[in-house]
Amino acid sequence: MVEVKRVHLLISGCVQGVFFRANAKKMADLFRLKGWVKNLATGQVELYAIGPEEQLKKIIEWSHHGPPRAHVTKVDILWDKNLGNAHSFEVI
């Protein structure tokens, strides 16, 4: 049985208005992750994902560059922070 883990990301840079959330959902669906992604008033994008560690590492790697129009300057990573369960991956 695969162990399920959780990761919470705060992504900084030019990450709003560049389809970051929509692309994050596509990637999360591709990696079969559950959770959510949303814009913050600070200009950051917050992403919370649940799934196998190897798949979570893939969304983390993707988050360091994001979609083509994004310019990511920093990704804060917090493993195993429980922000609740999810049945799918949603854009909030």
N, C-alpha and C. Protein backbone atom coordinates (compact mmCIF):
# COMPACT_ATOMS: atom_id res chain seq x y z
N MET A 1 0.84 -1.19 0.00
CA MET A 1 0.00 0.00 0.00
C MET A 1 0.88 1.25 0.00
N VAL A 2 0.52 2.22 -0.82
CA VAL A 2 1.27 3.46 -0.94
C VAL A 2 0.86 4.40 0.18
N GLU A 3 1.86 4.98 0.85
CA GLU A 3 1.59 5.92 1.93
C GLU A 3 1.18 7.26 1.35
N VAL A 4 0.10 7.82 1.86
CA VAL A 4 -0.39 9.12 1.42
C VAL A 4 0.25 10.21 2.28
N LYS A 5 0.76 11.23 1.61
CA LYS A 5 1.37 12.37 2.31
C LYS A 5 0.66 13.64 1.89
N ARG A 6 1.03 14.72 2.56
CA ARG A 6 0.43 16.02 2.29
C ARG A 6 1.54 17.05 2.16
N VAL A 7 1.33 18.01 1.26
CA VAL A 7 2.29 19.10 1.12
C VAL A 7 1.53 20.41 0.93
N HIS A 8 2.05 21.46 1.55
CA HIS A 8 1.47 22.79 1.48
C HIS A 8 2.52 23.70 0.88
N LEU A 9 2.18 24.39 -0.21
CA LEU A 9 3.12 25.26 -0.91
C LEU A 9 2.62 26.69 -0.94
N LEU A 10 3.53 27.64 -0.74
CA LEU A 10 3.27 29.05 -0.98
C LEU A 10 4.22 29.47 -2.09
N ILE A 11 3.65 29.84 -3.22
CA ILE A 11 4.43 30.14 -4.42
C ILE A 11 4.42 31.65 -4.64
N SER A 12 5.62 32.22 -4.72
CA SER A 12 5.77 33.67 -4.86
C SER A 12 6.35 34.02 -6.23
N GLY A 13 6.11 35.27 -6.63
CA GLY A 13 6.61 35.77 -7.90
C GLY A 13 5.45 36.32 -8.71
N CYS A 14 5.60 36.32 -10.03
CA CYS A 14 4.51 36.70 -10.93
C CYS A 14 3.70 35.44 -11.20
N VAL A 15 2.77 35.14 -10.29
CA VAL A 15 2.05 33.86 -10.35
C VAL A 15 0.52 34.03 -10.39
N GLN A 16 0.06 35.27 -10.40
CA GLN A 16 -1.38 35.51 -10.55
C GLN A 16 -1.63 36.16 -11.90
N GLY A 17 -2.74 35.79 -12.54
CA GLY A 17 -3.07 36.35 -13.84
C GLY A 17 -2.30 35.71 -14.98
N VAL A 18 -1.68 34.56 -14.71
CA VAL A 18 -0.88 33.86 -15.73
C VAL A 18 -1.33 32.40 -15.88
N PHE A 19 -2.55 32.11 -15.43
CA PHE A 19 -3.14 30.76 -15.52
C PHE A 19 -2.40 29.73 -14.66
N PHE A 20 -1.79 30.21 -13.56
CA PHE A 20 -1.06 29.30 -12.67
C PHE A 20 -2.02 28.28 -12.06
N ARG A 21 -3.15 28.74 -11.53
CA ARG A 21 -4.09 27.82 -10.86
C ARG A 21 -4.67 26.80 -11.84
N ALA A 22 -5.07 27.24 -13.01
CA ALA A 22 -5.64 26.32 -13.99
C ALA A 22 -4.62 25.26 -14.40
N ASN A 23 -3.38 25.68 -14.59
CA ASN A 23 -2.34 24.72 -14.96
C ASN A 23 -1.96 23.82 -13.78
N ALA A 24 -2.01 24.36 -12.57
CA ALA A 24 -1.74 23.53 -11.39
C ALA A 24 -2.78 22.42 -11.29
N LYS A 25 -4.03 22.76 -11.59
CA LYS A 25 -5.09 21.73 -11.56
C LYS A 25 -4.82 20.65 -12.61
N LYS A 26 -4.43 21.07 -13.81
CA LYS A 26 -4.12 20.08 -14.85
C LYS A 26 -3.00 19.16 -14.41
N MET A 27 -1.96 19.73 -13.80
CA MET A 27 -0.83 18.92 -13.35
C MET A 27 -1.25 18.01 -12.19
N ALA A 28 -2.01 18.53 -11.26
CA ALA A 28 -2.48 17.72 -10.13
C ALA A 28 -3.35 16.56 -10.62
N ASP A 29 -4.21 16.83 -11.59
CA ASP A 29 -5.03 15.76 -12.17
C ASP A 29 -4.15 14.72 -12.87
N LEU A 30 -3.14 15.18 -13.60
CA LEU A 30 -2.21 14.28 -14.27
C LEU A 30 -1.49 13.39 -13.26
N PHE A 31 -1.09 13.99 -12.12
CA PHE A 31 -0.37 13.24 -11.09
C PHE A 31 -1.30 12.53 -10.12
N ARG A 32 -2.62 12.65 -10.36
CA ARG A 32 -3.65 12.00 -9.53
C ARG A 32 -3.60 12.44 -8.07
N LEU A 33 -3.46 13.75 -7.89
CA LEU A 33 -3.43 14.32 -6.55
C LEU A 33 -4.78 14.91 -6.19
N LYS A 34 -5.01 15.04 -4.91
CA LYS A 34 -6.21 15.69 -4.39
C LYS A 34 -5.77 16.95 -3.66
N GLY A 35 -6.69 17.89 -3.48
CA GLY A 35 -6.37 19.10 -2.75
C GLY A 35 -6.96 20.33 -3.40
N TRP A 36 -6.22 21.44 -3.34
CA TRP A 36 -6.74 22.69 -3.88
C TRP A 36 -5.60 23.67 -4.16
N VAL A 37 -5.94 24.70 -4.94
CA VAL A 37 -5.02 25.79 -5.24
C VAL A 37 -5.84 27.08 -5.25
N LYS A 38 -5.25 28.15 -4.71
CA LYS A 38 -5.97 29.43 -4.69
C LYS A 38 -5.00 30.60 -4.69
N ASN A 39 -5.49 31.75 -5.14
CA ASN A 39 -4.75 33.01 -5.08
C ASN A 39 -4.88 33.58 -3.68
N LEU A 40 -3.82 34.25 -3.22
CA LEU A 40 -3.85 34.95 -1.94
C LEU A 40 -3.78 36.45 -2.18
N ALA A 41 -4.28 37.23 -1.25
CA ALA A 41 -4.25 38.68 -1.35
C ALA A 41 -2.82 39.22 -1.40
N THR A 42 -1.85 38.44 -0.96
CA THR A 42 -0.44 38.82 -0.95
C THR A 42 0.19 38.76 -2.34
N GLY A 43 -0.54 38.21 -3.31
CA GLY A 43 0.00 38.01 -4.66
C GLY A 43 0.59 36.63 -4.85
N GLN A 44 0.61 35.83 -3.80
CA GLN A 44 1.11 34.46 -3.88
C GLN A 44 0.00 33.51 -4.31
N VAL A 45 0.40 32.31 -4.70
CA VAL A 45 -0.53 31.21 -4.93
C VAL A 45 -0.28 30.18 -3.83
N GLU A 46 -1.35 29.69 -3.24
CA GLU A 46 -1.27 28.66 -2.20
C GLU A 46 -1.77 27.35 -2.79
N LEU A 47 -1.01 26.30 -2.60
CA LEU A 47 -1.37 24.99 -3.14
C LEU A 47 -1.25 23.96 -2.03
N TYR A 48 -2.26 23.12 -1.89
CA TYR A 48 -2.28 22.05 -0.91
C TYR A 48 -2.60 20.76 -1.66
N ALA A 49 -1.73 19.77 -1.53
CA ALA A 49 -1.93 18.53 -2.27
C ALA A 49 -1.76 17.32 -1.37
N ILE A 50 -2.53 16.29 -1.70
CA ILE A 50 -2.52 15.02 -0.97
C ILE A 50 -2.29 13.91 -1.98
N GLY A 51 -1.36 13.01 -1.67
CA GLY A 51 -1.09 11.89 -2.56
C GLY A 51 0.21 11.20 -2.21
N PRO A 52 0.64 10.27 -3.06
CA PRO A 52 1.91 9.58 -2.84
C PRO A 52 3.08 10.57 -2.93
N GLU A 53 4.10 10.36 -2.12
CA GLU A 53 5.24 11.28 -2.05
C GLU A 53 5.87 11.54 -3.41
N GLU A 54 6.04 10.50 -4.22
CA GLU A 54 6.68 10.70 -5.53
C GLU A 54 5.86 11.63 -6.41
N GLN A 55 4.53 11.52 -6.35
CA GLN A 55 3.67 12.40 -7.14
C GLN A 55 3.70 13.83 -6.58
N LEU A 56 3.76 13.96 -5.26
CA LEU A 56 3.84 15.28 -4.65
C LEU A 56 5.14 15.97 -5.04
N LYS A 57 6.22 15.20 -5.13
CA LYS A 57 7.50 15.78 -5.56
C LYS A 57 7.40 16.33 -6.98
N LYS A 58 6.59 15.71 -7.81
CA LYS A 58 6.42 16.19 -9.19
C LYS A 58 5.69 17.52 -9.22
N ILE A 59 4.65 17.70 -8.39
CA ILE A 59 3.93 18.98 -8.37
C ILE A 59 4.82 20.07 -7.76
N ILE A 60 5.66 19.70 -6.81
CA ILE A 60 6.61 20.66 -6.23
C ILE A 60 7.59 21.11 -7.31
N GLU A 61 8.14 20.17 -8.04
CA GLU A 61 9.09 20.50 -9.11
C GLU A 61 8.42 21.41 -10.14
N TRP A 62 7.21 21.08 -10.55
CA TRP A 62 6.49 21.91 -11.51
C TRP A 62 6.25 23.32 -10.95
N SER A 63 5.94 23.41 -9.65
CA SER A 63 5.62 24.70 -9.02
C SER A 63 6.80 25.66 -9.03
N HIS A 64 8.00 25.15 -9.15
CA HIS A 64 9.17 26.02 -9.18
C HIS A 64 9.28 26.83 -10.48
N HIS A 65 8.53 26.45 -11.50
CA HIS A 65 8.53 27.25 -12.73
C HIS A 65 7.11 27.58 -13.19
N GLY A 66 6.14 26.71 -12.94
CA GLY A 66 4.75 26.97 -13.30
C GLY A 66 4.54 27.00 -14.80
N PRO A 67 3.43 27.63 -15.23
CA PRO A 67 3.14 27.72 -16.66
C PRO A 67 4.07 28.72 -17.35
N PRO A 68 4.07 28.76 -18.68
CA PRO A 68 5.02 29.60 -19.42
C PRO A 68 5.04 31.08 -19.04
N ARG A 69 3.90 31.68 -18.73
CA ARG A 69 3.87 33.12 -18.44
C ARG A 69 4.23 33.46 -16.99
N ALA A 70 4.36 32.46 -16.14
CA ALA A 70 4.69 32.70 -14.73
C ALA A 70 6.18 32.95 -14.55
N HIS A 71 6.50 33.67 -13.49
CA HIS A 71 7.90 33.86 -13.09
C HIS A 71 7.95 33.59 -11.58
N VAL A 72 8.32 32.39 -11.22
CA VAL A 72 8.36 31.98 -9.81
C VAL A 72 9.70 32.39 -9.21
N THR A 73 9.61 33.08 -8.07
CA THR A 73 10.83 33.50 -7.38
C THR A 73 11.11 32.68 -6.13
N LYS A 74 10.06 32.05 -5.57
CA LYS A 74 10.24 31.31 -4.33
C LYS A 74 9.08 30.34 -4.13
N VAL A 75 9.40 29.15 -3.61
CA VAL A 75 8.37 28.19 -3.23
C VAL A 75 8.67 27.74 -1.80
N ASP A 76 7.79 28.11 -0.88
CA ASP A 76 7.90 27.63 0.50
C ASP A 76 7.17 26.31 0.60
N ILE A 77 7.83 25.30 1.16
CA ILE A 77 7.30 23.94 1.20
C ILE A 77 7.16 23.50 2.64
N LEU A 78 5.97 23.05 3.00
CA LEU A 78 5.73 22.50 4.33
C LEU A 78 5.08 21.13 4.16
N TRP A 79 5.82 20.09 4.55
CA TRP A 79 5.31 18.72 4.42
C TRP A 79 4.40 18.38 5.59
N ASP A 80 3.40 17.57 5.28
CA ASP A 80 2.53 16.93 6.27
C ASP A 80 1.70 17.89 7.11
N LYS A 81 1.47 19.09 6.62
CA LYS A 81 0.53 19.99 7.30
C LYS A 81 -0.87 19.57 6.89
N ASN A 82 -1.69 19.24 7.86
CA ASN A 82 -3.03 18.75 7.57
C ASN A 82 -4.01 19.92 7.50
N LEU A 83 -4.41 20.24 6.27
CA LEU A 83 -5.40 21.29 6.05
C LEU A 83 -6.74 20.70 5.63
N GLY A 84 -6.93 19.43 5.95
CA GLY A 84 -8.18 18.77 5.63
C GLY A 84 -8.03 17.76 4.50
N ASN A 85 -9.09 17.05 4.27
CA ASN A 85 -9.12 16.04 3.21
C ASN A 85 -9.79 16.61 1.97
N ALA A 86 -9.62 15.92 0.87
CA ALA A 86 -10.24 16.34 -0.38
C ALA A 86 -10.58 15.10 -1.19
N HIS A 87 -11.59 15.22 -2.04
CA HIS A 87 -12.01 14.11 -2.90
C HIS A 87 -11.54 14.30 -4.34
N SER A 88 -11.05 15.50 -4.64
CA SER A 88 -10.53 15.82 -5.97
C SER A 88 -9.58 17.00 -5.80
N PHE A 89 -9.10 17.55 -6.91
CA PHE A 89 -8.27 18.76 -6.84
C PHE A 89 -9.08 19.91 -7.40
N GLU A 90 -9.21 20.97 -6.61
CA GLU A 90 -10.07 22.08 -6.98
C GLU A 90 -9.31 23.39 -7.07
N VAL A 91 -9.76 24.26 -7.96
CA VAL A 91 -9.31 25.65 -8.00
C VAL A 91 -10.30 26.45 -7.16
N ILE A 92 -9.78 27.13 -6.18
CA ILE A 92 -10.65 27.90 -5.27
C ILE A 92 -10.55 29.38 -5.66
